[in-house]
Amino acid sequence: MKRKILIPLFLLIAFIGFSQNFKDKKEKIKALKIAYITEKLELTPDEAQKFWPIYNAFDDQEFDIRHNKMRTLIHKIGDGGFESLSEKEAATLLNQMESYEDQLYTLRKKYFKELQNVLSAKKIILLKKSEEEFNRKLLHQFRENRDKRD
């Protein structure tokens, strides 16, 4: 039964067209991820009601740190030319990167602590496993689609 649900979900990923913008693709992938995680964790309605706000808040904050803050730093390095960085500028950038890594660590600790009020430890571990499986399948699907285009 689970295969009957999972296969169409991943086939949907394959049909995401180039004409859609990044935000549309991101929303579709997020919807597929929600369905995948909900199914894998077998969340009760009560668990789901408490879990998804925590998960979504963490996901948004993590995305902001990783993609907005960290990428901005990396683009500064790339745009300005790595060779032209002084040692002092490099040390400043390194300190900023370390600060963002600390923020991610603190965020994850808070997230796991909040999840423990909603899910069992086994379900939290299953969540991590399910996220990794989803990402692996998504990457595999992306590579298949790219190979078909080439």
Protein backbone atom coordinates (compact mmCIF):
# COMPACT_ATOMS: atom_id res chain seq x y z
CA MET A 1 0.00 0.00 0.00
CA LYS A 2 2.81 2.42 0.88
CA ARG A 3 4.50 1.77 -2.46
CA LYS A 4 1.28 2.66 -4.27
CA ILE A 5 1.43 6.06 -2.60
CA LEU A 6 5.18 6.69 -2.75
CA ILE A 7 5.73 5.88 -6.42
CA PRO A 8 3.20 8.46 -7.68
CA LEU A 9 4.63 11.04 -5.27
CA PHE A 10 8.07 10.68 -6.74
CA LEU A 11 6.76 10.57 -10.27
CA LEU A 12 5.24 13.97 -9.62
CA ILE A 13 8.72 15.29 -8.97
CA ALA A 14 9.77 14.08 -12.40
CA PHE A 15 7.02 16.13 -14.05
CA ILE A 16 7.95 19.45 -12.48
CA GLY A 17 8.58 21.52 -15.58
CA PHE A 18 11.21 24.08 -16.39
CA SER A 19 8.58 26.72 -16.96
CA GLN A 20 7.81 26.92 -13.25
CA ASN A 21 9.81 29.28 -11.15
CA PHE A 22 11.93 28.26 -8.17
CA LYS A 23 9.27 29.11 -5.60
CA ASP A 24 6.68 26.87 -7.27
CA LYS A 25 9.15 24.00 -7.42
CA LYS A 26 10.12 24.53 -3.80
CA GLU A 27 6.47 24.47 -2.71
CA LYS A 28 5.79 21.25 -4.63
CA ILE A 29 8.85 19.58 -3.16
CA LYS A 30 7.82 20.77 0.31
CA ALA A 31 4.34 19.26 -0.16
CA LEU A 32 5.86 15.96 -1.25
CA LYS A 33 8.20 16.02 1.73
CA ILE A 34 5.30 16.65 4.13
CA ALA A 35 3.37 13.72 2.68
CA TYR A 36 6.44 11.48 2.82
CA ILE A 37 7.31 12.34 6.42
CA THR A 38 3.71 12.10 7.62
CA GLU A 39 3.43 8.65 6.11
CA LYS A 40 6.79 7.41 7.37
CA LEU A 41 6.22 8.65 10.93
CA GLU A 42 2.60 7.51 10.97
CA LEU A 43 1.68 10.69 12.80
CA THR A 44 -1.59 10.76 14.70
CA PRO A 45 -3.76 13.84 14.05
CA ASP A 46 -2.77 15.19 17.48
CA GLU A 47 0.94 14.62 16.82
CA ALA A 48 0.69 16.18 13.37
CA GLN A 49 -1.07 19.26 14.75
CA LYS A 50 1.75 19.83 17.24
CA PHE A 51 4.64 18.59 15.08
CA TRP A 52 4.24 20.57 11.83
CA PRO A 53 4.42 24.08 13.34
CA ILE A 54 7.66 23.13 15.12
CA TYR A 55 9.08 21.48 12.00
CA ASN A 56 8.13 24.36 9.69
CA ALA A 57 9.54 27.01 12.02
CA PHE A 58 12.82 25.10 12.28
CA ASP A 59 12.95 24.53 8.52
CA ASP A 60 12.39 28.23 7.79
CA GLN A 61 15.02 29.36 10.30
CA GLU A 62 17.54 26.78 9.07
CA PHE A 63 16.91 27.82 5.46
CA ASP A 64 17.47 31.46 6.39
CA ILE A 65 20.82 30.74 8.03
CA ARG A 66 22.08 28.30 5.39
CA HIS A 67 20.83 29.96 2.23
CA ASN A 68 20.56 33.62 3.06
CA LYS A 69 23.33 34.27 5.56
CA MET A 70 25.92 31.63 4.64
CA ARG A 71 25.46 32.02 0.89
CA THR A 72 25.80 35.77 1.19
CA LEU A 73 29.17 35.27 2.85
CA ILE A 74 30.29 32.77 0.24
CA HIS A 75 29.23 35.10 -2.57
CA LYS A 76 31.23 37.91 -0.96
CA ILE A 77 34.27 35.70 -1.17
CA GLY A 78 33.53 34.70 -4.76
CA ASP A 79 32.52 38.14 -6.00
CA GLY A 80 35.39 40.03 -4.43
CA GLY A 81 38.00 37.55 -5.47
CA PHE A 82 39.49 35.18 -2.98
CA GLU A 83 43.02 36.22 -3.84
CA SER A 84 42.32 39.86 -2.99
CA LEU A 85 41.14 39.05 0.56
CA SER A 86 43.42 40.30 3.26
CA GLU A 87 44.14 38.03 6.20
CA LYS A 88 42.10 40.35 8.43
CA GLU A 89 39.09 40.21 6.07
CA ALA A 90 39.39 36.42 5.85
CA ALA A 91 39.47 36.17 9.65
CA THR A 92 36.34 38.33 9.87
CA LEU A 93 34.53 36.14 7.33
CA LEU A 94 35.66 33.02 9.15
CA ASN A 95 34.30 34.40 12.43
CA GLN A 96 30.96 35.14 10.74
CA MET A 97 30.84 31.61 9.33
CA GLU A 98 31.59 30.19 12.76
CA SER A 99 28.83 32.35 14.25
CA TYR A 100 26.32 31.00 11.71
CA GLU A 101 27.41 27.43 12.47
CA ASP A 102 26.86 28.15 16.17
CA GLN A 103 23.40 29.50 15.37
CA LEU A 104 22.59 26.32 13.45
CA TYR A 105 23.79 24.16 16.34
CA THR A 106 21.73 26.12 18.88
CA LEU A 107 18.71 25.98 16.59
CA ARG A 108 19.00 22.19 16.21
CA LYS A 109 19.31 21.69 19.98
CA LYS A 110 16.18 23.78 20.56
CA TYR A 111 14.36 21.92 17.78
CA PHE A 112 15.12 18.47 19.21
CA LYS A 113 14.13 19.62 22.69
CA GLU A 114 10.78 20.91 21.37
CA LEU A 115 10.21 17.72 19.37
CA GLN A 116 10.70 15.60 22.49
CA ASN A 117 7.55 17.20 23.90
CA VAL A 118 5.57 16.01 20.88
CA LEU A 119 7.18 12.81 19.54
CA SER A 120 8.88 9.79 21.02
CA ALA A 121 12.65 9.49 20.71
CA LYS A 122 12.17 6.67 18.19
CA LYS A 123 9.97 8.86 16.00
CA ILE A 124 12.51 11.69 16.13
CA ILE A 125 15.23 9.32 14.95
CA LEU A 126 12.85 8.00 12.27
CA LEU A 127 12.22 11.62 11.24
CA LYS A 128 15.94 12.19 10.61
CA LYS A 129 16.15 8.91 8.70
CA SER A 130 13.06 9.78 6.64
CA GLU A 131 14.39 13.24 5.78
CA GLU A 132 17.64 11.71 4.54
CA GLU A 133 15.75 9.08 2.50
CA PHE A 134 13.54 11.76 0.96
CA ASN A 135 16.53 13.93 0.05
CA ARG A 136 18.36 10.94 -1.45
CA LYS A 137 15.31 9.99 -3.55
CA LEU A 138 14.82 13.59 -4.64
CA LEU A 139 18.45 13.87 -5.70
CA HIS A 140 18.23 10.55 -7.55
CA GLN A 141 15.08 11.73 -9.36
CA PHE A 142 16.77 15.02 -10.24
CA ARG A 143 19.78 13.19 -11.67
CA GLU A 144 17.55 10.87 -13.70
CA ASN A 145 15.68 13.83 -15.17
CA ARG A 146 18.93 15.63 -15.94
CA ASP A 147 20.36 12.55 -17.67
CA LYS A 148 17.21 12.21 -19.80
CA ARG A 149 17.58 15.83 -20.95
CA ASP A 150 21.23 15.45 -21.91
